[in-house]
């Protein structure tokens, strides 16, 4: 593991190679595909489900945040034909005294963690450690022609590996000692990162019970090795879907979200595009996304029931957004 300072380029428009065709893709994934968590190795960190986490006094943060970049390397899995997976990861740490809940966020195809710096900083200033990995074969750190959509089957294991590494840093003597409450973890993702998030919470290959809630942004289902998605456990999810999404149709996003067992908050962003409401590119939906997502995180990771109740108001902005609650 090494630490680097890495400038983040301004967000650029999502490459439109990610189209609705991905929703119907049929992927041949054999037993040798190692996207599932069960086959990976890394720093051993005990799994802790939210139900078994002991009561704790959470830090609320002081309204500030700092960002550091770590480069995590998993030698156990390949990047295409190249041994190992190198995963540069931004970590936002709130000011104040922890422990804090932690959120892991996944970017989309041809994206990078820096495109979300405004949203992730807002989460961190509100008292959350935020972890944002850059995936080896789907980020814009490599040329468009070298990016591989199919490497999404590896990304759930990337998420587990990075989560393990950060929680190891939270142990006594680590750089983040005591700053994270490992029993209060959330996960979010945009587009292909949303497909990764779906797998982490509802696919037998990849379910990680340490996560206790999730946010899906312009998300869709992508086949994973090891069977079909199983929507058989209650799990709180906040869904953002834009009606003007030209990459993943709004109707297809709702079709996927309809499979969620609940409780589910589905926020429709009127005339919302695929990525702009979430990335740094200015969008009229920016404040709705910040306010609604923070209410959701507070409700599910801090047990603030009043915050969940406020979503009905926060996400109901005439001409901009509406919300439906199910489950």
C-alpha atoms as a PDB file:
ATOM      1  CA  UNK A   1       0.000   0.000   0.000  1.00  0.00           C
ATOM      2  CA  UNK A   2       1.341   3.458  -0.829  1.00  0.00           C
ATOM      3  CA  UNK A   3      -0.054   6.940  -0.476  1.00  0.00           C
ATOM      4  CA  UNK A   4      -0.026   9.397  -3.354  1.00  0.00           C
ATOM      5  CA  UNK A   5      -1.259  12.872  -4.082  1.00  0.00           C
ATOM      6  CA  UNK A   6      -3.241  12.747  -7.299  1.00  0.00           C
ATOM      7  CA  UNK A   7      -4.986  15.698  -8.956  1.00  0.00           C
ATOM      8  CA  UNK A   8      -8.490  14.977 -10.161  1.00  0.00           C
ATOM      9  CA  UNK A   9      -9.434  16.242 -13.618  1.00  0.00           C
ATOM     10  CA  UNK A  10     -12.767  18.044 -13.974  1.00  0.00           C
ATOM     11  CA  UNK A  11     -15.711  15.744 -14.629  1.00  0.00           C
ATOM     12  CA  UNK A  12     -16.339  15.070 -18.291  1.00  0.00           C
ATOM     13  CA  UNK A  13     -19.424  13.764 -19.996  1.00  0.00           C
ATOM     14  CA  UNK A  14     -20.077  10.050 -19.611  1.00  0.00           C
ATOM     15  CA  UNK A  15     -18.947   8.074 -22.608  1.00  0.00           C
ATOM     16  CA  UNK A  16     -22.147   7.079 -24.361  1.00  0.00           C
ATOM     17  CA  UNK A  17     -20.807   3.631 -25.122  1.00  0.00           C
ATOM     18  CA  UNK A  18     -22.706   2.563 -22.018  1.00  0.00           C
ATOM     19  CA  UNK A  19     -26.180   2.120 -23.474  1.00  0.00           C
ATOM     20  CA  UNK A  20     -29.427   0.382 -22.772  1.00  0.00           C
ATOM     21  CA  UNK A  21     -28.005  -2.700 -24.487  1.00  0.00           C
ATOM     22  CA  UNK A  22     -26.186  -3.479 -21.234  1.00  0.00           C
ATOM     23  CA  UNK A  23     -29.522  -4.146 -19.605  1.00  0.00           C
ATOM     24  CA  UNK A  24     -30.145  -7.124 -21.854  1.00  0.00           C
ATOM     25  CA  UNK A  25     -26.586  -8.370 -22.021  1.00  0.00           C
ATOM     26  CA  UNK A  26     -26.003 -12.082 -21.592  1.00  0.00           C
ATOM     27  CA  UNK A  27     -22.560 -12.777 -20.218  1.00  0.00           C
ATOM     28  CA  UNK A  28     -20.889 -16.185 -20.319  1.00  0.00           C
ATOM     29  CA  UNK A  29     -19.306 -16.414 -16.896  1.00  0.00           C
ATOM     30  CA  UNK A  30     -17.677 -19.709 -16.080  1.00  0.00           C
ATOM     31  CA  UNK A  31     -16.376 -21.141 -12.864  1.00  0.00           C
ATOM     32  CA  UNK A  32     -13.029 -19.483 -13.485  1.00  0.00           C
ATOM     33  CA  UNK A  33     -14.500 -15.983 -13.275  1.00  0.00           C
ATOM     34  CA  UNK A  34     -13.328 -14.653  -9.938  1.00  0.00           C
ATOM     35  CA  UNK A  35     -15.627 -11.709  -9.389  1.00  0.00           C
ATOM     36  CA  UNK A  36     -17.177 -13.242  -6.276  1.00  0.00           C
ATOM     37  CA  UNK A  37     -16.010 -12.395  -2.802  1.00  0.00           C
ATOM     38  CA  UNK A  38     -15.664 -15.975  -1.669  1.00  0.00           C
ATOM     39  CA  UNK A  39     -12.502 -16.605  -3.688  1.00  0.00           C
ATOM     40  CA  UNK A  40     -10.533 -13.489  -2.885  1.00  0.00           C
ATOM     41  CA  UNK A  41      -7.853 -12.947  -0.311  1.00  0.00           C
ATOM     42  CA  UNK A  42      -6.559  -9.857   1.415  1.00  0.00           C
ATOM     43  CA  UNK A  43      -5.999  -8.376   4.829  1.00  0.00           C
ATOM     44  CA  UNK A  44      -8.207 -10.464   7.138  1.00  0.00           C
ATOM     45  CA  UNK A  45     -10.808  -8.296   8.816  1.00  0.00           C
ATOM     46  CA  UNK A  46     -13.662  -9.918  10.747  1.00  0.00           C
ATOM     47  CA  UNK A  47     -17.049  -9.485   9.091  1.00  0.00           C
ATOM     48  CA  UNK A  48     -19.435  -7.597  11.321  1.00  0.00           C
ATOM     49  CA  UNK A  49     -23.095  -7.371  10.433  1.00  0.00           C
ATOM     50  CA  UNK A  50     -25.094  -4.352  11.524  1.00  0.00           C
ATOM     51  CA  UNK A  51     -27.265  -6.550  13.734  1.00  0.00           C
ATOM     52  CA  UNK A  52     -24.315  -7.725  15.811  1.00  0.00           C
ATOM     53  CA  UNK A  53     -22.559  -4.382  16.155  1.00  0.00           C
ATOM     54  CA  UNK A  54     -22.427  -3.201  19.771  1.00  0.00           C
ATOM     55  CA  UNK A  55     -23.967   0.165  20.696  1.00  0.00           C
ATOM     56  CA  UNK A  56     -21.569   3.037  20.176  1.00  0.00           C
ATOM     57  CA  UNK A  57     -21.433   6.793  20.495  1.00  0.00           C
ATOM     58  CA  UNK A  58     -21.029   8.098  16.971  1.00  0.00           C
ATOM     59  CA  UNK A  59     -19.030  11.158  16.066  1.00  0.00           C
ATOM     60  CA  UNK A  60     -21.019  13.820  14.208  1.00  0.00           C
ATOM     61  CA  UNK A  61     -18.076  15.618  12.628  1.00  0.00           C
ATOM     62  CA  UNK A  62     -17.212  19.307  12.868  1.00  0.00           C
ATOM     63  CA  UNK A  63     -18.260  20.331   9.368  1.00  0.00           C
ATOM     64  CA  UNK A  64     -14.842  19.876   7.786  1.00  0.00           C
ATOM     65  CA  UNK A  65     -13.190  17.068   5.828  1.00  0.00           C
ATOM     66  CA  UNK A  66      -9.788  16.097   4.502  1.00  0.00           C
ATOM     67  CA  UNK A  67      -9.061  13.785   1.586  1.00  0.00           C
ATOM     68  CA  UNK A  68      -6.188  11.368   1.183  1.00  0.00           C
ATOM     69  CA  UNK A  69      -5.456   8.906  -1.609  1.00  0.00           C
ATOM     70  CA  UNK A  70      -4.219   5.383  -0.895  1.00  0.00           C
ATOM     71  CA  UNK A  71      -3.121   2.898  -3.542  1.00  0.00           C
ATOM     72  CA  UNK A  72      -4.245  -0.596  -2.567  1.00  0.00           C
ATOM     73  CA  UNK A  73      -2.911  -3.606  -4.472  1.00  0.00           C
ATOM     74  CA  UNK A  74      -4.620  -6.992  -4.424  1.00  0.00           C
ATOM     75  CA  UNK A  75      -2.082  -9.582  -5.660  1.00  0.00           C
ATOM     76  CA  UNK A  76      -4.602 -12.426  -5.624  1.00  0.00           C
ATOM     77  CA  UNK A  77      -6.651 -11.445  -8.688  1.00  0.00           C
ATOM     78  CA  UNK A  78      -5.704 -10.312 -12.202  1.00  0.00           C
ATOM     79  CA  UNK A  79      -6.423  -7.177 -14.186  1.00  0.00           C
ATOM     80  CA  UNK A  80      -7.222  -8.781 -17.520  1.00  0.00           C
ATOM     81  CA  UNK A  81      -4.113 -10.830 -18.214  1.00  0.00           C
ATOM     82  CA  UNK A  82      -1.942  -8.759 -15.869  1.00  0.00           C
ATOM     83  CA  UNK A  83      -1.331 -10.169 -12.364  1.00  0.00           C
ATOM     84  CA  UNK A  84      -2.719  -8.175  -9.479  1.00  0.00           C
ATOM     85  CA  UNK A  85      -5.244  -5.356  -9.209  1.00  0.00           C
ATOM     86  CA  UNK A  86      -4.089  -1.826  -8.374  1.00  0.00           C
ATOM     87  CA  UNK A  87      -6.912   0.264  -6.904  1.00  0.00           C
ATOM     88  CA  UNK A  88      -6.203   3.952  -6.137  1.00  0.00           C
ATOM     89  CA  UNK A  89      -8.745   4.979  -3.514  1.00  0.00           C
ATOM     90  CA  UNK A  90      -9.796   8.377  -2.196  1.00  0.00           C
ATOM     91  CA  UNK A  91     -10.661   8.468   1.505  1.00  0.00           C
ATOM     92  CA  UNK A  92     -12.556  11.451   2.910  1.00  0.00           C
ATOM     93  CA  UNK A  93     -12.197  11.817   6.682  1.00  0.00           C
ATOM     94  CA  UNK A  94     -14.444  14.187   8.642  1.00  0.00           C
ATOM     95  CA  UNK A  95     -12.968  16.504  11.216  1.00  0.00           C
ATOM     96  CA  UNK A  96     -13.798  15.799  14.826  1.00  0.00           C
ATOM     97  CA  UNK A  97     -13.720  12.735  17.013  1.00  0.00           C
ATOM     98  CA  UNK A  98     -14.993   9.386  15.718  1.00  0.00           C
ATOM     99  CA  UNK A  99     -16.045   6.753  15.314  1.00  0.00           C
ATOM    100  CA  UNK A 100     -17.997   7.660  12.188  1.00  0.00           C
ATOM    101  CA  UNK A 101     -20.168   5.576   9.862  1.00  0.00           C
ATOM    102  CA  UNK A 102     -18.438   4.736   6.567  1.00  0.00           C
ATOM    103  CA  UNK A 103     -19.711   4.851   2.979  1.00  0.00           C
ATOM    104  CA  UNK A 104     -18.051   3.108   0.012  1.00  0.00           C
ATOM    105  CA  UNK A 105     -18.855   4.696  -3.359  1.00  0.00           C
ATOM    106  CA  UNK A 106     -18.375   3.148  -6.831  1.00  0.00           C
ATOM    107  CA  UNK A 107     -17.925   5.211 -10.008  1.00  0.00           C
ATOM    108  CA  UNK A 108     -19.353   4.347 -13.422  1.00  0.00           C
ATOM    109  CA  UNK A 109     -17.819   3.396 -16.751  1.00  0.00           C
ATOM    110  CA  UNK A 110     -15.188   5.898 -17.884  1.00  0.00           C
ATOM    111  CA  UNK A 111     -15.499   7.605 -14.521  1.00  0.00           C
ATOM    112  CA  UNK A 112     -13.255   8.270 -11.562  1.00  0.00           C
ATOM    113  CA  UNK A 113     -13.580   9.091  -7.892  1.00  0.00           C
ATOM    114  CA  UNK A 114     -12.696  12.740  -8.422  1.00  0.00           C
ATOM    115  CA  UNK A 115     -15.857  13.337 -10.443  1.00  0.00           C
ATOM    116  CA  UNK A 116     -17.828  12.974  -7.200  1.00  0.00           C
ATOM    117  CA  UNK A 117     -15.651  15.149  -4.955  1.00  0.00           C
ATOM    118  CA  UNK A 118     -18.413  17.679  -4.249  1.00  0.00           C
ATOM    119  CA  UNK A 119     -21.009  15.082  -3.233  1.00  0.00           C
ATOM    120  CA  UNK A 120     -18.562  12.912  -1.297  1.00  0.00           C
ATOM    121  CA  UNK A 121     -17.152  15.941   0.504  1.00  0.00           C
ATOM    122  CA  UNK A 122     -20.685  16.933   1.526  1.00  0.00           C
ATOM    123  CA  UNK A 123     -21.235  13.468   2.985  1.00  0.00           C
ATOM    124  CA  UNK A 124     -17.940  13.587   4.833  1.00  0.00           C
ATOM    125  CA  UNK A 125     -18.511  17.081   6.247  1.00  0.00           C
ATOM    126  CA  UNK A 126     -21.743  15.676   7.686  1.00  0.00           C
ATOM    127  CA  UNK A 127     -19.762  13.097   9.667  1.00  0.00           C
ATOM    128  CA  UNK A 128     -19.090  10.140   7.350  1.00  0.00           C
ATOM    129  CA  UNK A 129     -15.822   8.531   6.319  1.00  0.00           C
ATOM    130  CA  UNK A 130     -16.209   8.111   2.550  1.00  0.00           C
ATOM    131  CA  UNK A 131     -14.162   5.635   0.520  1.00  0.00           C
ATOM    132  CA  UNK A 132     -14.079   5.932  -3.284  1.00  0.00           C
ATOM    133  CA  UNK A 133     -12.032   3.361  -5.247  1.00  0.00           C
ATOM    134  CA  UNK A 134     -10.969   3.708  -8.879  1.00  0.00           C
ATOM    135  CA  UNK A 135     -11.488   0.401 -10.677  1.00  0.00           C
ATOM    136  CA  UNK A 136      -8.638  -0.987 -12.793  1.00  0.00           C
ATOM    137  CA  UNK A 137     -10.420  -1.499 -16.130  1.00  0.00           C
ATOM    138  CA  UNK A 138     -13.466   0.784 -16.082  1.00  0.00           C
ATOM    139  CA  UNK A 139     -12.049   4.139 -14.965  1.00  0.00           C
ATOM    140  CA  UNK A 140     -10.946   6.938 -17.287  1.00  0.00           C
ATOM    141  CA  UNK A 141      -7.365   6.502 -16.094  1.00  0.00           C
ATOM    142  CA  UNK A 142      -6.982   4.205 -19.081  1.00  0.00           C
ATOM    143  CA  UNK A 143      -7.900   4.927 -22.727  1.00  0.00           C
ATOM    144  CA  UNK A 144     -11.488   4.359 -23.802  1.00  0.00           C
ATOM    145  CA  UNK A 145     -10.510   1.506 -26.083  1.00  0.00           C
ATOM    146  CA  UNK A 146      -8.804  -0.326 -23.198  1.00  0.00           C
ATOM    147  CA  UNK A 147     -11.757  -0.102 -20.832  1.00  0.00           C
ATOM    148  CA  UNK A 148     -13.678  -3.349 -20.287  1.00  0.00           C
ATOM    149  CA  UNK A 149     -17.313  -3.276 -19.234  1.00  0.00           C
ATOM    150  CA  UNK A 150     -17.138  -7.013 -18.469  1.00  0.00           C
ATOM    151  CA  UNK A 151     -14.607  -6.385 -15.716  1.00  0.00           C
ATOM    152  CA  UNK A 152     -17.596  -5.335 -13.616  1.00  0.00           C
ATOM    153  CA  UNK A 153     -17.703  -8.968 -12.451  1.00  0.00           C
ATOM    154  CA  UNK A 154     -14.441  -8.256 -10.615  1.00  0.00           C
ATOM    155  CA  UNK A 155     -15.605  -5.019  -9.017  1.00  0.00           C
ATOM    156  CA  UNK A 156     -17.631  -6.490  -6.123  1.00  0.00           C
ATOM    157  CA  UNK A 157     -14.434  -8.207  -4.980  1.00  0.00           C
ATOM    158  CA  UNK A 158     -12.565  -4.909  -5.441  1.00  0.00           C
ATOM    159  CA  UNK A 159     -15.096  -3.319  -3.092  1.00  0.00           C
ATOM    160  CA  UNK A 160     -14.571  -6.016  -0.472  1.00  0.00           C
ATOM    161  CA  UNK A 161     -10.785  -5.785  -0.757  1.00  0.00           C
ATOM    162  CA  UNK A 162     -10.773  -1.994  -0.390  1.00  0.00           C
ATOM    163  CA  UNK A 163     -13.239  -2.157   2.503  1.00  0.00           C
ATOM    164  CA  UNK A 164     -10.993  -4.691   4.241  1.00  0.00           C
ATOM    165  CA  UNK A 165      -7.948  -2.465   3.727  1.00  0.00           C
ATOM    166  CA  UNK A 166      -9.643   0.624   5.130  1.00  0.00           C
ATOM    167  CA  UNK A 167     -10.977  -1.291   8.137  1.00  0.00           C
ATOM    168  CA  UNK A 168      -7.453  -2.593   8.737  1.00  0.00           C
ATOM    169  CA  UNK A 169      -6.335   1.061   8.854  1.00  0.00           C
ATOM    170  CA  UNK A 170      -9.005   1.542  11.523  1.00  0.00           C
ATOM    171  CA  UNK A 171      -7.320  -0.974  13.842  1.00  0.00           C
ATOM    172  CA  UNK A 172      -5.042   0.116  16.724  1.00  0.00           C
ATOM    173  CA  UNK A 173      -1.901   1.667  15.298  1.00  0.00           C
ATOM    174  CA  UNK A 174      -3.473   2.250  11.876  1.00  0.00           C
ATOM    175  CA  UNK A 175      -3.660   5.605  10.119  1.00  0.00           C
ATOM    176  CA  UNK A 176      -7.422   5.756  10.715  1.00  0.00           C
ATOM    177  CA  UNK A 177      -7.374   4.234  14.193  1.00  0.00           C
ATOM    178  CA  UNK A 178     -10.791   4.378  15.796  1.00  0.00           C
ATOM    179  CA  UNK A 179     -12.328   6.687  13.203  1.00  0.00           C
ATOM    180  CA  UNK A 180     -14.693   4.112  11.627  1.00  0.00           C
ATOM    181  CA  UNK A 181     -17.576   2.238  13.216  1.00  0.00           C
ATOM    182  CA  UNK A 182     -17.331  -1.092  11.314  1.00  0.00           C
ATOM    183  CA  UNK A 183     -20.915  -1.946  12.193  1.00  0.00           C
ATOM    184  CA  UNK A 184     -22.290   1.050  10.277  1.00  0.00           C
ATOM    185  CA  UNK A 185     -21.280   0.729   6.653  1.00  0.00           C
ATOM    186  CA  UNK A 186     -23.156   1.957   3.586  1.00  0.00           C
ATOM    187  CA  UNK A 187     -22.506   1.513  -0.122  1.00  0.00           C
ATOM    188  CA  UNK A 188     -23.433   3.545  -3.185  1.00  0.00           C
ATOM    189  CA  UNK A 189     -22.729   3.542  -6.889  1.00  0.00           C
ATOM    190  CA  UNK A 190     -23.472   5.264 -10.197  1.00  0.00           C
ATOM    191  CA  UNK A 191     -24.329   3.358 -13.380  1.00  0.00           C
ATOM    192  CA  UNK A 192     -21.805   0.509 -13.698  1.00  0.00           C
ATOM    193  CA  UNK A 193     -20.901   1.277 -10.089  1.00  0.00           C
ATOM    194  CA  UNK A 194     -24.602   0.905  -9.365  1.00  0.00           C
ATOM    195  CA  UNK A 195     -24.522  -2.514 -11.011  1.00  0.00           C
ATOM    196  CA  UNK A 196     -21.613  -3.319  -8.702  1.00  0.00           C
ATOM    197  CA  UNK A 197     -23.660  -2.116  -5.732  1.00  0.00           C
ATOM    198  CA  UNK A 198     -26.629  -4.295  -6.751  1.00  0.00           C
ATOM    199  CA  UNK A 199     -24.276  -7.296  -6.706  1.00  0.00           C
ATOM    200  CA  UNK A 200     -22.865  -6.405  -3.287  1.00  0.00           C
ATOM    201  CA  UNK A 201     -26.292  -6.443  -1.681  1.00  0.00           C
ATOM    202  CA  UNK A 202     -28.378  -8.952  -3.673  1.00  0.00           C
ATOM    203  CA  UNK A 203     -26.198 -11.460  -5.569  1.00  0.00           C
ATOM    204  CA  UNK A 204     -24.998 -14.730  -3.991  1.00  0.00           C
ATOM    205  CA  UNK A 205     -21.534 -14.172  -5.472  1.00  0.00           C
ATOM    206  CA  UNK A 206     -20.928 -11.016  -3.589  1.00  0.00           C
ATOM    207  CA  UNK A 207     -23.265 -10.186  -0.706  1.00  0.00           C
ATOM    208  CA  UNK A 208     -21.369  -8.452   2.080  1.00  0.00           C
ATOM    209  CA  UNK A 209     -23.480  -8.303   5.219  1.00  0.00           C
ATOM    210  CA  UNK A 210     -21.313  -5.578   6.705  1.00  0.00           C
ATOM    211  CA  UNK A 211     -23.238  -3.109   4.539  1.00  0.00           C
ATOM    212  CA  UNK A 212     -26.530  -2.067   6.076  1.00  0.00           C
ATOM    213  CA  UNK A 213     -27.940   0.305   3.420  1.00  0.00           C
ATOM    214  CA  UNK A 214     -27.298   1.372  -0.179  1.00  0.00           C
ATOM    215  CA  UNK A 215     -27.865   4.201  -2.658  1.00  0.00           C
ATOM    216  CA  UNK A 216     -28.337   3.341  -6.355  1.00  0.00           C
ATOM    217  CA  UNK A 217     -27.764   6.114  -8.911  1.00  0.00           C
ATOM    218  CA  UNK A 218     -28.824   5.547 -12.542  1.00  0.00           C
ATOM    219  CA  UNK A 219     -28.266   1.859 -11.797  1.00  0.00           C
ATOM    220  CA  UNK A 220     -29.024  -1.419 -13.574  1.00  0.00           C
ATOM    221  CA  UNK A 221     -28.543  -5.157 -13.102  1.00  0.00           C
ATOM    222  CA  UNK A 222     -25.540  -6.840 -14.709  1.00  0.00           C
ATOM    223  CA  UNK A 223     -25.123 -10.655 -14.691  1.00  0.00           C
ATOM    224  CA  UNK A 224     -22.604 -12.009 -12.208  1.00  0.00           C
ATOM    225  CA  UNK A 225     -21.025 -15.458 -11.897  1.00  0.00           C
ATOM    226  CA  UNK A 226     -22.523 -17.846  -9.392  1.00  0.00           C
ATOM    227  CA  UNK A 227     -26.239 -17.699 -10.059  1.00  0.00           C
ATOM    228  CA  UNK A 228     -29.060 -15.183 -10.214  1.00  0.00           C
ATOM    229  CA  UNK A 229     -29.859 -12.150  -8.112  1.00  0.00           C
ATOM    230  CA  UNK A 230     -31.893 -13.058  -5.030  1.00  0.00           C
ATOM    231  CA  UNK A 231     -34.059 -10.299  -3.614  1.00  0.00           C
ATOM    232  CA  UNK A 232     -34.979 -12.222  -0.502  1.00  0.00           C
ATOM    233  CA  UNK A 233     -33.946 -10.029   2.412  1.00  0.00           C
ATOM    234  CA  UNK A 234     -35.220  -6.696   3.648  1.00  0.00           C
ATOM    235  CA  UNK A 235     -32.627  -4.049   2.958  1.00  0.00           C
ATOM    236  CA  UNK A 236     -33.014  -0.246   2.866  1.00  0.00           C
ATOM    237  CA  UNK A 237     -32.210   1.265  -0.537  1.00  0.00           C
ATOM    238  CA  UNK A 238     -32.469   4.784  -1.938  1.00  0.00           C
ATOM    239  CA  UNK A 239     -32.841   4.869  -5.731  1.00  0.00           C
ATOM    240  CA  UNK A 240     -32.204   7.940  -7.908  1.00  0.00           C
ATOM    241  CA  UNK A 241     -33.471   7.691 -11.501  1.00  0.00           C
ATOM    242  CA  UNK A 242     -33.553  10.484 -14.090  1.00  0.00           C
ATOM    243  CA  UNK A 243     -36.315  10.730 -16.674  1.00  0.00           C
ATOM    244  CA  UNK A 244     -33.899  12.123 -19.307  1.00  0.00           C
ATOM    245  CA  UNK A 245     -31.238   9.441 -18.874  1.00  0.00           C
ATOM    246  CA  UNK A 246     -29.956   8.546 -22.360  1.00  0.00           C
ATOM    247  CA  UNK A 247     -27.582   5.791 -21.194  1.00  0.00           C
ATOM    248  CA  UNK A 248     -29.868   3.640 -19.013  1.00  0.00           C
ATOM    249  CA  UNK A 249     -33.563   4.308 -19.713  1.00  0.00           C
ATOM    250  CA  UNK A 250     -35.633   5.535 -16.797  1.00  0.00           C
ATOM    251  CA  UNK A 251     -38.146   2.712 -17.342  1.00  0.00           C
ATOM    252  CA  UNK A 252     -35.405   0.092 -17.133  1.00  0.00           C
ATOM    253  CA  UNK A 253     -34.091   1.581 -13.896  1.00  0.00           C
ATOM    254  CA  UNK A 254     -37.569   1.425 -12.387  1.00  0.00           C
ATOM    255  CA  UNK A 255     -37.979  -2.162 -13.564  1.00  0.00           C
ATOM    256  CA  UNK A 256     -34.816  -3.144 -11.702  1.00  0.00           C
ATOM    257  CA  UNK A 257     -35.789  -1.146  -8.622  1.00  0.00           C
ATOM    258  CA  UNK A 258     -39.204  -2.841  -8.547  1.00  0.00           C
ATOM    259  CA  UNK A 259     -37.433  -6.092  -7.610  1.00  0.00           C
ATOM    260  CA  UNK A 260     -36.127  -4.607  -4.365  1.00  0.00           C
ATOM    261  CA  UNK A 261     -37.806  -6.081  -1.288  1.00  0.00           C
ATOM    262  CA  UNK A 262     -37.760  -2.787   0.577  1.00  0.00           C
ATOM    263  CA  UNK A 263     -37.812  -0.560   2.339  1.00  0.00           C
ATOM    264  CA  UNK A 264     -37.118   1.413  -0.841  1.00  0.00           C
ATOM    265  CA  UNK A 265     -37.235   5.133  -1.537  1.00  0.00           C
ATOM    266  CA  UNK A 266     -37.363   5.732  -5.299  1.00  0.00           C
ATOM    267  CA  UNK A 267     -36.612   9.327  -6.238  1.00  0.00           C
ATOM    268  CA  UNK A 268     -37.510  10.419  -9.768  1.00  0.00           C
ATOM    269  CA  UNK A 269     -35.362  13.301 -11.013  1.00  0.00           C
ATOM    270  CA  UNK A 270     -37.509  15.138 -13.557  1.00  0.00           C
ATOM    271  CA  UNK A 271     -35.414  15.748 -16.704  1.00  0.00           C
ATOM    272  CA  UNK A 272     -32.467  14.326 -14.792  1.00  0.00           C
ATOM    273  CA  UNK A 273     -29.547  13.070 -16.869  1.00  0.00           C
ATOM    274  CA  UNK A 274     -27.446   9.960 -16.326  1.00  0.00           C
ATOM    275  CA  UNK A 275     -24.541  11.367 -14.318  1.00  0.00           C
ATOM    276  CA  UNK A 276     -24.759  15.133 -13.816  1.00  0.00           C
ATOM    277  CA  UNK A 277     -26.994  15.093 -10.717  1.00  0.00           C
ATOM    278  CA  UNK A 278     -24.289  13.110  -8.896  1.00  0.00           C
ATOM    279  CA  UNK A 279     -20.980  14.207 -10.412  1.00  0.00           C
ATOM    280  CA  UNK A 280     -19.390  17.653 -10.152  1.00  0.00           C
ATOM    281  CA  UNK A 281     -21.011  18.969 -13.342  1.00  0.00           C
ATOM    282  CA  UNK A 282     -23.604  21.536 -12.193  1.00  0.00           C
ATOM    283  CA  UNK A 283     -27.174  20.236 -12.268  1.00  0.00           C
ATOM    284  CA  UNK A 284     -30.479  21.659 -10.977  1.00  0.00           C
ATOM    285  CA  UNK A 285     -30.851  18.395  -9.031  1.00  0.00           C
ATOM    286  CA  UNK A 286     -27.641  18.781  -7.034  1.00  0.00           C
ATOM    287  CA  UNK A 287     -29.223  19.978  -3.789  1.00  0.00           C
ATOM    288  CA  UNK A 288     -32.009  17.394  -3.932  1.00  0.00           C
ATOM    289  CA  UNK A 289     -29.402  14.639  -4.222  1.00  0.00           C
ATOM    290  CA  UNK A 290     -27.254  16.002  -1.384  1.00  0.00           C
ATOM    291  CA  UNK A 291     -30.148  16.596   1.006  1.00  0.00           C
ATOM    292  CA  UNK A 292     -31.987  13.353   0.259  1.00  0.00           C
ATOM    293  CA  UNK A 293     -28.892  11.170   0.376  1.00  0.00           C
ATOM    294  CA  UNK A 294     -27.805  12.648   3.704  1.00  0.00           C
ATOM    295  CA  UNK A 295     -31.273  12.089   5.163  1.00  0.00           C
ATOM    296  CA  UNK A 296     -31.075   8.469   4.007  1.00  0.00           C
ATOM    297  CA  UNK A 297     -27.589   7.906   5.423  1.00  0.00           C
ATOM    298  CA  UNK A 298     -28.576   9.531   8.715  1.00  0.00           C
ATOM    299  CA  UNK A 299     -31.655   7.346   8.928  1.00  0.00           C
ATOM    300  CA  UNK A 300     -30.007   4.046   8.055  1.00  0.00           C
ATOM    301  CA  UNK A 301     -26.482   4.452   9.429  1.00  0.00           C
ATOM    302  CA  UNK A 302     -27.252   6.656  12.460  1.00  0.00           C
ATOM    303  CA  UNK A 303     -30.698   5.229  13.281  1.00  0.00           C
ATOM    304  CA  UNK A 304     -32.304   8.671  12.926  1.00  0.00           C
ATOM    305  CA  UNK A 305     -35.889   7.749  12.084  1.00  0.00           C
ATOM    306  CA  UNK A 306     -36.883  11.394  11.741  1.00  0.00           C
ATOM    307  CA  UNK A 307     -34.349  11.731   8.933  1.00  0.00           C
ATOM    308  CA  UNK A 308     -35.979   8.900   6.989  1.00  0.00           C
ATOM    309  CA  UNK A 309     -39.371  10.511   7.493  1.00  0.00           C
ATOM    310  CA  UNK A 310     -38.005  13.780   6.089  1.00  0.00           C
ATOM    311  CA  UNK A 311     -37.233  12.185   2.704  1.00  0.00           C
ATOM    312  CA  UNK A 312     -40.895  12.520   1.747  1.00  0.00           C
ATOM    313  CA  UNK A 313     -40.400  16.299   1.894  1.00  0.00           C
ATOM    314  CA  UNK A 314     -36.756  16.613   0.897  1.00  0.00           C
ATOM    315  CA  UNK A 315     -37.204  14.623  -2.313  1.00  0.00           C
ATOM    316  CA  UNK A 316     -40.508  16.244  -3.297  1.00  0.00           C
ATOM    317  CA  UNK A 317     -39.565  19.409  -5.171  1.00  0.00           C
ATOM    318  CA  UNK A 318     -42.098  20.581  -7.775  1.00  0.00           C
ATOM    319  CA  UNK A 319     -40.611  20.464 -11.239  1.00  0.00           C
ATOM    320  CA  UNK A 320     -37.434  18.754 -10.032  1.00  0.00           C
ATOM    321  CA  UNK A 321     -38.114  15.565  -8.070  1.00  0.00           C
ATOM    322  CA  UNK A 322     -40.711  13.240  -6.592  1.00  0.00           C
ATOM    323  CA  UNK A 323     -40.454  10.192  -4.347  1.00  0.00           C
ATOM    324  CA  UNK A 324     -42.271   6.880  -3.894  1.00  0.00           C
ATOM    325  CA  UNK A 325     -41.784   4.693  -0.823  1.00  0.00           C
ATOM    326  CA  UNK A 326     -42.330   0.920  -0.943  1.00  0.00           C
ATOM    327  CA  UNK A 327     -41.757  -2.018   1.347  1.00  0.00           C
END
